[in-house]
Protein backbone atom coordinates (compact mmCIF):
# COMPACT_ATOMS: atom_id res chain seq x y z
CA MET A 1 -0.14 -0.20 -0.11
CA VAL A 2 2.79 2.30 0.93
CA LYS A 3 4.58 1.52 -2.32
CA MET A 4 1.54 2.06 -4.44
CA SER A 5 1.19 5.48 -2.73
CA ARG A 6 4.70 6.38 -3.44
CA HIS A 7 4.15 5.27 -7.06
CA ILE A 8 1.08 7.62 -7.46
CA LYS A 9 2.83 10.49 -5.79
CA SER A 10 5.85 9.86 -8.23
CA ASN A 11 3.69 9.85 -11.24
CA PHE A 12 1.82 13.06 -10.17
CA LEU A 13 5.19 14.75 -9.60
CA ASN A 14 6.38 13.65 -13.02
CA ASN A 15 3.16 14.79 -14.75
CA GLY A 16 3.28 17.97 -13.20
CA ARG A 17 6.95 18.56 -14.15
CA PHE A 18 6.13 17.57 -17.72
CA LYS A 19 2.99 20.02 -17.78
CA LEU A 20 5.27 22.77 -16.43
CA TYR A 21 8.05 21.92 -19.07
CA PHE A 22 5.58 21.73 -21.70
CA PHE A 23 3.92 25.06 -20.59
CA THR A 24 7.24 26.87 -20.42
CA ALA A 25 8.30 25.69 -23.75
CA GLY A 26 5.14 26.78 -25.31
CA PHE A 27 5.37 30.04 -23.63
CA ILE A 28 9.01 30.52 -24.89
CA LEU A 29 7.92 29.25 -28.36
CA CYS A 30 4.96 31.98 -28.30
CA LEU A 31 7.58 34.59 -27.31
CA ILE A 32 9.94 33.59 -30.07
CA ILE A 33 7.02 33.48 -32.57
CA ILE A 34 5.85 36.84 -31.39
CA PHE A 35 9.35 38.35 -31.64
CA ILE A 36 9.84 36.94 -35.18
CA ALA A 37 6.51 38.12 -36.25
CA GLY A 38 7.14 41.53 -34.95
CA LYS A 39 10.56 41.63 -36.74
CA ALA A 40 8.85 40.41 -40.03
CA ILE A 41 6.23 42.88 -39.69
CA LYS A 42 8.54 45.64 -39.23
CA TYR A 43 10.93 44.36 -41.93
CA THR A 44 8.06 44.27 -44.41
CA SER A 45 6.80 47.60 -43.62
CA THR A 46 9.83 49.53 -44.70
CA ASP A 47 9.92 51.60 -47.81
CA ASN A 48 12.70 49.45 -49.40
CA TYR A 49 10.81 46.26 -48.87
CA CYS A 50 7.71 47.75 -50.42
CA MET A 51 9.46 48.92 -53.49
CA SER A 52 11.33 45.52 -53.96
CA CYS A 53 7.93 44.06 -54.97
CA HIS A 54 6.18 47.16 -56.40
CA ILE A 55 8.67 47.76 -59.02
CA HIS A 56 6.31 49.70 -61.41
CA PRO A 57 8.04 52.60 -63.30
CA HIS A 58 9.13 55.79 -61.33
CA ALA A 59 7.37 54.61 -58.04
CA GLU A 60 10.38 55.77 -55.91
CA GLN A 61 11.08 58.61 -57.94
CA THR A 62 7.59 60.03 -57.88
CA TRP A 63 7.53 59.38 -54.03
CA ARG A 64 10.65 61.39 -53.39
CA LEU A 65 9.20 64.36 -55.47
CA SER A 66 5.87 64.27 -53.54
CA THR A 67 4.83 66.57 -50.73
CA HIS A 68 4.93 63.50 -48.70
CA TYR A 69 8.55 63.24 -48.89
CA ASN A 70 9.92 66.64 -50.25
CA ASN A 71 8.60 69.07 -47.76
CA LYS A 72 9.78 71.98 -45.53
CA SER A 73 9.11 70.18 -42.19
CA GLY A 74 11.18 67.15 -43.18
CA THR A 75 8.57 64.76 -42.29
CA ILE A 76 8.39 61.62 -44.45
CA VAL A 77 5.25 59.77 -45.12
CA HIS A 78 6.08 56.20 -45.83
CA CYS A 79 4.22 53.58 -47.97
CA VAL A 80 2.58 51.85 -45.29
CA ASP A 81 1.32 55.15 -43.82
CA CYS A 82 -1.04 55.49 -46.90
CA HIS A 83 -1.53 52.09 -48.26
CA LEU A 84 -2.49 50.18 -45.09
CA ALA A 85 -5.01 51.16 -42.53
CA PRO A 86 -3.58 52.96 -39.47
CA GLN A 87 -1.85 50.96 -36.55
CA GLY A 88 -4.60 49.41 -34.28
CA LYS A 89 -7.49 50.25 -36.91
CA GLY A 90 -7.23 47.29 -39.19
CA TYR A 91 -3.55 47.40 -39.98
CA LEU A 92 -2.78 43.72 -39.55
CA ARG A 93 -5.90 42.83 -41.56
CA THR A 94 -5.22 45.07 -44.56
CA LYS A 95 -1.54 44.08 -44.45
CA ILE A 96 -2.34 40.37 -44.78
CA LYS A 97 -4.93 41.03 -47.50
CA HIS A 98 -2.58 43.05 -49.74
CA GLY A 99 0.44 41.02 -48.81
CA LEU A 100 -1.29 37.83 -50.20
CA LYS A 101 -2.30 39.80 -53.40
CA ASP A 102 1.29 41.07 -53.72
CA LEU A 103 2.89 37.76 -53.29
CA TYR A 104 0.54 36.17 -56.05
CA SER A 105 1.30 39.03 -58.37
CA TYR A 106 5.17 38.83 -57.73
CA TRP A 107 5.38 35.12 -58.35
CA PHE A 108 2.74 34.62 -60.94
CA ARG A 109 2.52 37.78 -62.93
CA ASP A 110 4.89 39.61 -65.18
CA SER A 111 4.96 43.23 -63.94
CA ALA A 112 5.60 44.41 -67.50
CA SER A 113 2.14 43.09 -68.33
CA ILE A 114 0.41 45.12 -65.62
CA ASN A 115 -1.25 48.33 -66.87
CA TRP A 116 0.22 50.82 -64.44
CA GLU A 117 -1.61 53.68 -66.30
CA SER A 118 -4.90 52.25 -65.05
CA LYS A 119 -3.85 51.86 -61.63
CA LYS A 120 -3.17 55.88 -61.49
CA LEU A 121 -6.86 56.70 -62.27
CA ILE A 122 -8.67 57.77 -59.22
CA GLU A 123 -11.28 54.91 -59.49
CA ASN A 124 -8.43 52.35 -59.03
CA ALA A 125 -6.07 54.50 -56.84
CA ARG A 126 -8.85 54.64 -54.20
CA LYS A 127 -8.64 50.92 -53.63
CA PHE A 128 -5.08 51.31 -52.42
CA VAL A 129 -5.40 54.40 -50.16
CA TYR A 130 -7.31 54.53 -46.93
CA GLU A 131 -9.26 57.52 -45.97
CA LYS A 132 -8.69 56.48 -42.30
CA SER A 133 -4.92 56.98 -42.87
CA CYS A 134 -5.31 60.29 -44.40
CA LEU A 135 -7.27 61.61 -41.47
CA GLU A 136 -4.95 59.92 -38.84
CA CYS A 137 -2.20 62.36 -39.84
CA HIS A 138 -4.37 65.31 -41.12
CA GLN A 139 -6.73 65.71 -38.08
CA ASN A 140 -6.94 69.55 -38.46
CA LEU A 141 -8.74 70.06 -41.87
CA PHE A 142 -8.79 73.84 -41.55
CA PRO A 143 -5.07 74.92 -40.71
CA VAL A 144 -4.45 78.68 -41.05
CA THR A 145 -2.35 78.09 -44.36
CA LEU A 146 -5.42 76.67 -46.13
CA SER A 147 -6.40 78.68 -49.17
CA LYS A 148 -10.11 79.88 -49.85
CA GLU A 149 -10.83 77.22 -52.24
CA GLY A 150 -9.44 74.64 -49.90
CA ASP A 151 -11.44 75.91 -47.01
CA ASP A 152 -14.52 75.58 -49.07
CA ALA A 153 -13.70 72.25 -50.36
CA HIS A 154 -12.92 70.75 -46.76
CA LEU A 155 -16.20 72.53 -45.39
CA PHE A 156 -18.05 70.71 -48.23
CA TYR A 157 -16.26 67.45 -47.05
CA THR A 158 -17.25 67.87 -43.48
CA LEU A 159 -20.92 68.60 -44.14
CA SER A 160 -21.70 66.30 -46.94
CA GLU A 161 -23.64 63.01 -46.48
CA ASN A 162 -21.64 61.37 -49.21
CA PRO A 163 -18.27 63.36 -49.13
CA PRO A 164 -15.48 62.81 -51.93
CA ARG A 165 -12.37 60.85 -50.73
CA CYS A 166 -9.24 62.78 -49.89
CA ILE A 167 -7.53 61.27 -53.00
CA ASN A 168 -10.10 62.77 -55.33
CA CYS A 169 -8.39 66.08 -54.86
CA HIS A 170 -5.09 65.16 -53.33
CA LEU A 171 -4.22 62.42 -55.95
CA THR A 172 -0.43 63.28 -56.24
CA VAL A 173 0.51 64.02 -52.80
CA GLY A 174 2.20 60.68 -52.53
CA HIS A 175 3.22 60.20 -56.14
CA PHE A 176 3.99 63.40 -57.82
CA ASP A 177 2.72 64.02 -61.29
CA LYS A 178 2.63 67.58 -62.66
CA ASN A 179 -0.32 66.83 -64.90
CA PHE A 180 -2.46 66.25 -62.06
CA ARG A 181 -1.77 69.22 -59.75
CA HIS A 182 -4.96 70.14 -58.17
CA ALA A 183 -4.93 73.96 -58.76
CA LYS A 184 -6.29 76.54 -61.16
CA ASP A 185 -4.83 76.35 -64.55
CA THR A 186 -4.69 80.02 -65.79
CA THR A 187 -2.77 78.89 -68.80
CA PHE A 188 -5.41 76.64 -70.13
CA GLY A 189 -6.48 77.63 -73.55
CA VAL A 190 -3.60 80.09 -74.10
CA VAL A 191 -2.41 80.05 -77.72
CA LYS A 192 1.36 79.47 -77.74
CA SER A 193 1.80 79.90 -81.52
CA ALA A 194 -0.37 81.58 -84.21
CA ALA A 195 -1.97 79.29 -86.71
CA SER A 196 -0.49 79.44 -90.17
CA SER A 197 -3.78 80.67 -91.73
CA ILE A 198 -6.74 82.39 -90.11
CA TYR A 199 -10.24 81.61 -91.52
CA LYS A 200 -12.29 84.85 -92.16
CA GLU A 201 -15.57 83.16 -92.64
CA PRO A 202 -17.47 79.80 -92.17
CA ALA A 203 -17.59 77.19 -94.97
CA LYS A 204 -20.24 77.78 -97.37
CA VAL A 205 -22.56 74.82 -97.96
CA ASP A 206 -25.09 74.61 -100.81
CA LYS A 207 -25.36 70.79 -101.28
CA PHE A 208 -25.95 67.86 -99.08
CA GLU A 209 -22.63 66.39 -99.13
CA ASN A 210 -19.41 66.21 -96.94
CA PHE A 211 -17.87 69.31 -96.34
CA THR A 212 -15.12 70.95 -94.03
CA GLU A 213 -16.28 73.55 -91.44
CA THR A 214 -14.03 76.51 -90.68
CA ILE A 215 -14.28 78.51 -87.58
CA PRO A 216 -13.91 82.26 -88.31
CA GLY A 217 -11.10 84.10 -86.48
CA THR A 218 -9.20 80.82 -85.96
CA GLY A 219 -7.20 78.33 -87.79
CA VAL A 220 -9.29 75.36 -86.79
CA SER A 221 -11.41 73.25 -89.16
CA PHE A 222 -13.13 70.02 -88.99
CA ARG A 223 -14.77 67.50 -91.31
CA MET A 224 -18.61 66.96 -91.42
CA ILE A 225 -19.93 63.74 -93.02
CA ALA A 226 -23.32 63.74 -94.77
CA ILE A 227 -25.68 61.03 -93.43
CA PRO A 228 -28.59 60.11 -95.66
CA GLY A 229 -31.82 59.83 -93.90
CA GLY A 230 -33.58 56.27 -93.56
CA LYS A 231 -34.94 53.60 -91.55
CA PHE A 232 -33.14 51.07 -89.27
CA MET A 233 -33.82 48.74 -86.29
CA MET A 234 -32.84 50.65 -83.23
CA GLY A 235 -31.66 48.72 -80.11
CA SER A 236 -30.52 45.20 -79.74
CA PRO A 237 -32.61 42.02 -80.15
CA ASP A 238 -33.12 39.65 -77.25
CA ASN A 239 -30.63 37.06 -78.57
CA GLU A 240 -27.69 39.67 -78.94
CA PRO A 241 -24.81 38.51 -76.44
CA LEU A 242 -24.19 40.60 -73.43
CA ARG A 243 -27.05 42.90 -74.30
CA ASP A 244 -28.61 45.14 -71.37
CA ASN A 245 -32.36 45.35 -70.65
CA ASP A 246 -32.45 49.09 -71.53
CA GLU A 247 -31.65 48.41 -75.20
CA GLY A 248 -34.78 46.99 -76.24
CA PRO A 249 -37.38 46.04 -77.29
CA VAL A 250 -36.00 46.65 -81.09
CA ARG A 251 -37.99 49.12 -82.96
CA GLU A 252 -38.10 50.52 -86.47
CA VAL A 253 -37.12 54.16 -86.52
CA THR A 254 -36.68 56.73 -89.35
CA VAL A 255 -34.15 59.69 -89.11
CA SER A 256 -33.94 62.62 -91.49
CA PRO A 257 -30.74 63.50 -93.16
CA PHE A 258 -28.04 65.26 -91.13
CA TRP A 259 -24.45 66.01 -90.95
CA ILE A 260 -22.28 64.57 -88.22
CA GLY A 261 -18.68 65.25 -87.19
CA GLU A 262 -16.21 62.65 -88.69
CA VAL A 263 -14.55 62.50 -85.33
CA GLU A 264 -15.37 63.67 -81.80
CA VAL A 265 -14.77 67.36 -81.00
CA THR A 266 -11.13 67.82 -80.61
CA TRP A 267 -9.28 69.96 -78.14
CA ASP A 268 -8.39 72.37 -80.96
CA GLU A 269 -12.01 72.88 -81.66
CA TYR A 270 -13.10 73.23 -78.11
CA LEU A 271 -10.19 75.58 -77.10
CA ALA A 272 -11.41 77.86 -79.92
CA PHE A 273 -14.68 78.17 -77.98
CA PHE A 274 -12.90 78.52 -74.69
CA GLN A 275 -10.61 81.35 -76.20
CA ALA A 276 -13.64 83.07 -77.42
CA THR A 277 -15.98 83.05 -74.53
CA SER A 278 -14.23 82.18 -71.23
CA SER A 279 -13.86 85.91 -70.16
CA GLN A 280 -17.44 86.33 -70.61
CA GLY A 281 -18.21 83.28 -68.48
CA ARG A 282 -19.72 82.90 -64.99
CA THR A 283 -17.60 83.76 -62.01
CA GLU A 284 -16.40 81.56 -59.38
CA GLY A 285 -18.99 80.78 -56.69
CA GLN A 286 -21.87 82.35 -58.73
CA VAL A 287 -25.06 80.52 -58.04
CA VAL A 288 -26.77 79.01 -61.18
CA THR A 289 -30.52 78.99 -60.84
CA THR A 290 -31.63 78.22 -64.63
CA GLY A 291 -30.97 75.80 -67.29
CA LYS A 292 -31.04 78.33 -69.94
CA VAL A 293 -27.73 79.50 -71.23
CA ASP A 294 -27.00 82.03 -73.97
CA ALA A 295 -24.50 81.55 -76.79
CA ILE A 296 -21.69 83.64 -75.32
CA SER A 297 -21.55 82.28 -71.97
CA GLY A 298 -18.11 80.80 -71.49
CA PRO A 299 -16.32 78.57 -68.94
CA THR A 300 -13.83 79.69 -65.97
CA PRO A 301 -10.34 78.49 -65.94
CA PRO A 302 -10.16 74.76 -64.99
CA TRP A 303 -8.50 73.13 -62.26
CA GLY A 304 -5.69 70.68 -62.91
CA ALA A 305 -5.20 69.49 -66.44
CA PRO A 306 -8.41 68.71 -68.29
CA ASP A 307 -6.40 66.82 -70.95
CA GLN A 308 -4.71 64.67 -68.02
CA GLY A 309 -1.44 65.26 -69.73
CA TRP A 310 -2.16 63.05 -72.61
CA GLY A 311 -1.93 66.00 -75.11
CA LYS A 312 -4.61 68.34 -76.82
CA GLY A 313 -4.59 68.96 -80.38
CA SER A 314 -6.75 66.41 -82.29
CA ARG A 315 -7.44 64.18 -79.27
CA PRO A 316 -11.05 64.26 -78.23
CA ALA A 317 -11.90 67.01 -75.71
CA ILE A 318 -12.91 65.53 -72.20
CA THR A 319 -13.82 66.61 -68.65
CA MET A 320 -16.40 69.03 -69.79
CA THR A 321 -20.12 68.56 -68.64
CA TRP A 322 -23.14 68.07 -70.93
CA TYR A 323 -24.00 71.48 -70.30
CA ALA A 324 -20.60 72.76 -71.63
CA ALA A 325 -20.98 70.50 -74.67
CA ASN A 326 -24.32 71.93 -75.32
CA VAL A 327 -23.25 75.57 -74.91
CA TYR A 328 -20.40 74.74 -77.39
CA CYS A 329 -22.94 73.86 -79.90
CA LYS A 330 -24.68 77.04 -79.38
CA TRP A 331 -21.58 79.02 -79.76
CA LEU A 332 -20.69 77.11 -82.97
CA SER A 333 -24.02 77.71 -84.31
CA LYS A 334 -23.61 81.45 -83.78
CA VAL A 335 -20.20 81.91 -85.23
CA THR A 336 -20.88 79.61 -88.49
CA GLY A 337 -24.60 80.75 -89.01
CA LYS A 338 -25.52 76.94 -89.07
CA LYS A 339 -27.66 74.75 -86.92
CA TYR A 340 -25.22 72.66 -84.72
CA ARG A 341 -26.38 70.55 -81.87
CA LEU A 342 -25.65 67.46 -80.12
CA PRO A 343 -27.00 64.15 -81.89
CA THR A 344 -30.06 62.49 -80.80
CA GLU A 345 -29.87 59.02 -79.53
CA ALA A 346 -31.39 57.73 -82.76
CA GLU A 347 -29.04 59.77 -85.02
CA TRP A 348 -26.08 58.56 -83.09
CA GLU A 349 -26.96 55.02 -83.40
CA TYR A 350 -27.95 55.32 -87.03
CA ALA A 351 -24.53 56.98 -87.80
CA CYS A 352 -22.71 54.39 -85.78
CA ARG A 353 -24.17 51.22 -87.45
CA GLY A 354 -23.52 52.84 -90.99
CA GLY A 355 -26.12 50.34 -92.49
CA THR A 356 -25.36 47.34 -90.49
CA SER A 357 -27.52 45.38 -88.03
CA THR A 358 -24.81 43.44 -86.11
CA PRO A 359 -23.62 44.22 -82.57
CA TYR A 360 -20.61 45.98 -84.13
CA PHE A 361 -20.47 47.62 -87.52
CA PHE A 362 -17.72 44.98 -88.26
CA GLU A 363 -17.94 41.28 -88.01
CA GLY A 364 -17.62 39.94 -84.61
CA ASP A 365 -19.23 38.30 -81.49
CA PRO A 366 -19.03 40.21 -78.30
CA LYS A 367 -18.72 36.96 -76.23
CA LYS A 368 -15.35 36.32 -78.03
CA PHE A 369 -14.17 39.87 -77.58
CA THR A 370 -14.96 40.36 -74.01
CA SER A 371 -12.22 40.09 -71.41
CA GLU A 372 -14.51 39.72 -68.55
CA GLY A 373 -14.69 36.45 -66.66
CA PHE A 374 -11.91 34.47 -64.98
CA LEU A 375 -11.17 32.10 -68.10
CA LYS A 376 -10.90 35.27 -70.40
CA LYS A 377 -8.11 36.56 -68.07
CA ILE A 378 -6.07 33.18 -68.57
CA PHE A 379 -7.03 32.54 -72.13
CA LYS A 380 -6.75 35.93 -73.81
CA PRO A 381 -9.34 36.56 -76.49
CA ASP A 382 -8.43 37.22 -80.00
CA THR A 383 -9.02 41.03 -80.36
CA SER A 384 -7.23 41.69 -83.60
CA VAL A 385 -10.41 42.69 -85.47
CA ILE A 386 -11.92 44.85 -82.85
CA SER A 387 -8.76 46.57 -82.04
CA SER A 388 -8.53 47.85 -85.65
CA TYR A 389 -11.82 49.81 -85.22
CA VAL A 390 -12.11 50.56 -81.59
CA ILE A 391 -9.88 51.95 -78.88
CA TYR A 392 -11.11 50.34 -75.58
CA LYS A 393 -9.80 48.79 -72.37
CA VAL A 394 -7.74 46.21 -74.19
CA ASN A 395 -5.74 48.47 -76.41
CA SER A 396 -5.96 51.95 -75.05
CA ASN A 397 -3.20 51.97 -72.30
CA PHE A 398 -6.27 53.68 -70.48
CA ARG A 399 -6.06 56.98 -72.22
CA THR A 400 -7.50 58.65 -75.31
CA ALA A 401 -6.06 58.23 -78.74
CA GLU A 402 -5.72 60.19 -82.05
CA PRO A 403 -8.54 59.62 -84.45
CA SER A 404 -6.20 58.12 -86.87
CA ALA A 405 -5.49 55.16 -84.61
CA VAL A 406 -8.58 53.33 -85.95
CA ARG A 407 -10.34 52.53 -89.23
CA PRO A 408 -13.70 54.29 -90.05
CA ASN A 409 -17.14 52.63 -90.11
CA PRO A 410 -19.19 52.45 -93.28
CA PHE A 411 -20.13 56.05 -93.31
CA GLY A 412 -16.56 57.14 -92.83
CA LEU A 413 -16.88 57.98 -89.18
CA ARG A 414 -14.10 57.29 -86.81
CA ASN A 415 -14.25 56.39 -82.96
CA MET A 416 -17.98 56.06 -82.95
CA LEU A 417 -17.11 53.11 -80.66
CA GLY A 418 -14.46 53.53 -77.98
CA ASN A 419 -12.03 56.14 -77.43
CA VAL A 420 -14.51 58.38 -75.49
CA ALA A 421 -18.15 57.91 -74.81
CA GLU A 422 -20.33 60.69 -76.39
CA PHE A 423 -23.07 62.98 -75.16
CA CYS A 424 -26.51 62.72 -76.83
CA LEU A 425 -29.19 65.26 -76.91
CA ASP A 426 -31.90 62.91 -75.20
CA TYR A 427 -32.70 62.53 -71.55
CA TYR A 428 -32.05 58.96 -70.26
CA SER A 429 -34.68 56.47 -69.27
CA PRO A 430 -34.24 52.78 -69.08
CA ASP A 431 -37.75 52.21 -70.45
CA THR A 432 -37.41 54.66 -73.50
CA TYR A 433 -37.82 51.87 -75.96
CA ARG A 434 -40.84 50.46 -74.25
CA THR A 435 -42.62 53.61 -73.78
CA ASP A 436 -41.74 56.05 -76.65
CA THR A 437 -44.25 55.81 -79.53
CA VAL A 438 -42.36 58.24 -81.71
CA ARG A 439 -40.93 56.45 -84.65
CA VAL A 440 -39.72 59.42 -86.81
CA ASN A 441 -36.85 61.48 -85.40
CA PRO A 442 -37.54 60.42 -81.85
CA ARG A 443 -35.90 62.61 -79.13
CA GLY A 444 -36.55 60.56 -76.05
CA PRO A 445 -38.45 61.51 -72.83
CA GLU A 446 -39.50 65.03 -72.58
CA TRP A 447 -37.65 65.56 -69.21
CA GLY A 448 -35.37 63.83 -67.07
CA GLU A 449 -32.22 64.26 -64.53
CA GLU A 450 -29.59 62.68 -66.64
CA HIS A 451 -28.58 62.43 -70.46
CA VAL A 452 -27.89 59.57 -72.73
CA ILE A 453 -24.32 58.77 -73.50
CA ARG A 454 -23.26 56.41 -76.25
CA GLY A 455 -20.42 54.30 -77.64
CA GLY A 456 -18.24 53.36 -74.68
CA SER A 457 -14.71 54.67 -73.96
CA TYR A 458 -11.05 53.56 -73.71
CA LYS A 459 -12.05 52.31 -70.12
CA SER A 460 -14.93 50.07 -71.74
CA ASP A 461 -14.95 46.08 -72.08
CA ALA A 462 -16.20 44.88 -75.47
CA ARG A 463 -19.54 44.35 -74.25
CA ASP A 464 -19.97 48.28 -73.79
CA VAL A 465 -18.71 49.44 -77.13
CA ARG A 466 -21.52 47.68 -79.14
CA CYS A 467 -23.73 49.78 -81.50
CA SER A 468 -26.71 49.37 -79.04
CA SER A 469 -25.06 49.89 -75.72
CA ARG A 470 -26.43 52.64 -73.54
CA ASP A 471 -25.25 54.70 -70.62
CA PHE A 472 -26.14 57.88 -68.97
CA THR A 473 -24.38 61.00 -67.40
CA LYS A 474 -23.65 60.91 -63.66
CA THR A 475 -23.93 64.77 -62.89
CA LYS A 476 -23.54 64.69 -59.10
CA ALA A 477 -21.10 62.02 -58.92
CA TRP A 478 -18.86 63.68 -61.64
CA LEU A 479 -18.64 67.12 -59.54
CA VAL A 480 -17.25 65.79 -56.43
CA THR A 481 -13.77 67.47 -56.83
CA ASP A 482 -15.05 70.87 -57.98
CA PRO A 483 -13.58 73.37 -55.40
CA GLN A 484 -16.20 75.93 -56.00
CA MET A 485 -18.95 76.38 -53.56
CA PRO A 486 -21.64 76.06 -54.59
CA LYS A 487 -20.94 73.34 -57.08
CA SER A 488 -21.11 74.30 -60.77
CA ILE A 489 -22.99 72.20 -62.90
CA TRP A 490 -21.88 74.01 -66.03
CA TRP A 491 -18.23 73.47 -67.33
CA TYR A 492 -15.88 70.95 -65.99
CA SER A 493 -16.47 67.42 -64.37
CA ASP A 494 -14.45 64.55 -63.01
CA CYS A 495 -15.37 62.48 -66.09
CA ILE A 496 -12.30 61.88 -68.14
CA ASP A 497 -13.64 59.29 -70.67
CA VAL A 498 -16.61 61.30 -72.12
CA GLY A 499 -16.50 63.71 -74.96
CA PHE A 500 -18.99 64.65 -77.79
CA ARG A 501 -19.41 65.11 -81.52
CA VAL A 502 -21.67 67.58 -83.26
CA VAL A 503 -24.53 67.14 -85.67
CA CYS A 504 -25.58 69.94 -88.07
CA GLU A 505 -29.19 70.08 -89.40
CA PRO A 506 -29.39 70.82 -93.13
CA ASP A 507 -31.96 73.48 -94.33
CA SER A 508 -34.78 72.21 -96.54
CA SER A 509 -33.49 74.33 -99.47
CA ILE A 510 -30.08 72.19 -99.51
CA LEU A 511 -32.07 68.91 -99.21
CA ASN A 512 -34.13 70.01 -102.34
CA ARG A 513 -31.02 70.41 -104.19
CA ARG A 514 -29.92 66.78 -103.86
């Protein structure tokens, strides 16, 4: 009995020592793991480590030129300060999430194949910059050094139910880019060199045929294409691949003859309007209470670089509002003595199709051209055909292109699909085709909040550059970075992938001479 008692006591002591040893070893191991993890977190949070993986062009150079590195205070804002959530506010969670994505890209993707230009766009950059991180450092939004425009913008930010993100205005504080400076551009529209010849009068047109318009007092001209009137099936049939519900039902529509611009309104053309009217435009902060604008009202100097640094000249003009495009047409009508306006949605689609009835005005299946879907990311679609006619997401490098980059449609029009989407005269409604009974020169709903845009852009997938694809303006969303208070609906927007082309109405006397 005594021996058994001693045996039990010995086993108890041995088990106790084992548990103690096990606990101690586990505790030490945990300390080692925590120590190593802390070192790993610290090591992988350095700027050098970040840039060892993020090897896109000029990452370090633009960071060192930015105000987050190059400033009078000597304060350096590091990669993790912007691209991860603040310490204690989701830092580890976001670090793990981005770390796993970065490892996958590092091992399985070729950095040269990544479209870094698209990553710079606000809609993409917002995914990698945390609002909480901005506010962690910039807790005082109204420093004494803040400008009047900045004060107004920050007041709007604090009072708005759906405020813009900090990066909407401060896109380049972390990676400097002179083209995106958020400040008034007083040099916008200034003529640096005189044109070789100045047109004294507009083009004289006495026949319904193609003609070249000349803007008096400038060296600017543009080509107008005569589009014969006729009937066509507007919209997309139920069996068209990748169609949207607002594209149908298909209906037979008749349009009268009209002229339409061979290409979208270029920067050269738009700046002629700016130079002639900007001094007569509204002043900053002026309250606009009416939708009526006369033919001589002009825009104020823009903020930043409306052309995004891509170049002006014959590239399509962008970043204007629908209202600015409409006023441009009124001004053009006044200086040429013709009837210029935006195209109706029916005119636009008729001109785009060029007599065809297929998804595109060239042969091709949207399902074969689209790059959407997991398998399409692995097995790249054959885009050789569509790329010869359309500037879109696959071949654009996420910027506009010169009109000469693509082949024309059967009517001789370029960039009807892709490059930039185009404003139409009509108000937008998803039920237009179901409710509109007008079949001759329809103009859509009598009223609405937004207008139709057509054609898709350099950002669009192949599904959205079909002849029947429809979209609409987002007026409120496109004005979030406007520094003026109250917000101006008139001139500039955040939309960098929408432009417009003009239509000219022929007089009945010209049509009778055909």
